[in-house]
C-alpha cells in the first residue's frame, strides 16, 4: 500500500499545478469566450449529425431485405 500511496502523491504533485493553472485561466474572460464558441460549434455539429443520422435511418429503412 505504501507504493500506491507514493504514486498517488506523485500524481497529485504533478497534477495540482496544472489544475491551478487551468483555474487561473478560467478566470480570464477570453478563455471563457473561447469555450462558449466551442460549445456553440459542438451543438451545431451535433444538430447536423442528428439530421444525417435521421436521413440514413430513413434510407436504410427503405431498403429491401437482404436475400438469404
Protein backbone atom coordinates (compact mmCIF):
# COMPACT_ATOMS: atom_id res chain seq x y z
CA UNK A 1 0.00 0.00 0.00
CA UNK A 2 2.93 2.36 0.61
CA UNK A 3 3.98 2.25 -3.04
CA UNK A 4 0.43 3.00 -4.18
CA UNK A 5 0.26 5.92 -1.76
CA UNK A 6 3.57 7.32 -3.08
CA UNK A 7 2.35 7.03 -6.67
CA UNK A 8 -0.86 8.82 -5.71
CA UNK A 9 1.13 11.59 -4.02
CA UNK A 10 3.41 11.94 -7.05
CA UNK A 11 0.39 12.11 -9.33
CA UNK A 12 -1.21 14.81 -7.19
CA UNK A 13 2.08 16.71 -7.03
CA UNK A 14 2.26 16.75 -10.84
CA UNK A 15 -1.43 17.38 -11.44
CA UNK A 16 -2.09 20.10 -8.87
CA UNK A 17 0.00 22.85 -10.53
CA UNK A 18 -1.71 22.12 -13.86
CA UNK A 19 -5.14 22.36 -12.26
CA UNK A 20 -4.20 25.63 -10.60
CA UNK A 21 -3.10 26.95 -13.99
CA UNK A 22 -6.44 26.00 -15.53
CA UNK A 23 -8.35 27.66 -12.69
CA UNK A 24 -6.30 30.81 -13.23
CA UNK A 25 -7.02 30.74 -16.96
CA UNK A 26 -10.72 30.16 -16.39
CA UNK A 27 -10.83 33.47 -14.59
CA UNK A 28 -9.79 35.06 -17.89
CA UNK A 29 -12.79 36.16 -19.97
CA UNK A 30 -11.01 35.38 -23.24
CA UNK A 31 -10.73 31.70 -22.37
CA UNK A 32 -14.34 31.58 -21.27
CA UNK A 33 -15.40 33.19 -24.59
CA UNK A 34 -13.41 30.59 -26.49
CA UNK A 35 -15.13 27.85 -24.52
CA UNK A 36 -18.53 29.35 -25.29
CA UNK A 37 -17.68 29.41 -29.01
CA UNK A 38 -16.53 25.78 -28.83
CA UNK A 39 -19.78 24.78 -27.15
CA UNK A 40 -21.84 26.52 -29.84
CA UNK A 41 -19.80 24.78 -32.56
CA UNK A 42 -20.31 21.41 -30.88
CA UNK A 43 -24.06 21.96 -30.63
CA UNK A 44 -24.25 22.91 -34.31
CA UNK A 45 -22.22 19.86 -35.31
CA UNK A 46 -24.42 17.67 -33.12
CA UNK A 47 -27.55 19.01 -34.84
CA UNK A 48 -26.05 18.27 -38.27
CA UNK A 49 -25.12 14.74 -37.21
CA UNK A 50 -28.61 14.09 -35.86
CA UNK A 51 -30.09 15.21 -39.18
CA UNK A 52 -27.72 12.95 -41.10
CA UNK A 53 -28.46 10.01 -38.83
CA UNK A 54 -32.21 10.50 -39.37
CA UNK A 55 -31.70 10.62 -43.13
CA UNK A 56 -29.53 7.49 -43.03
CA UNK A 57 -32.08 5.70 -40.87
CA UNK A 58 -34.83 6.56 -43.33
CA UNK A 59 -32.67 5.41 -46.24
CA UNK A 60 -31.80 2.11 -44.57
CA UNK A 61 -35.42 1.62 -43.54
CA UNK A 62 -36.47 1.90 -47.20
CA UNK A 63 -34.05 -0.81 -48.38
CA UNK A 64 -35.43 -4.22 -49.29
CA UNK A 65 -34.40 -7.10 -47.01
CA UNK A 66 -31.15 -8.86 -47.86
CA UNK A 67 -31.53 -12.08 -49.84
CA UNK A 68 -30.72 -15.24 -47.93
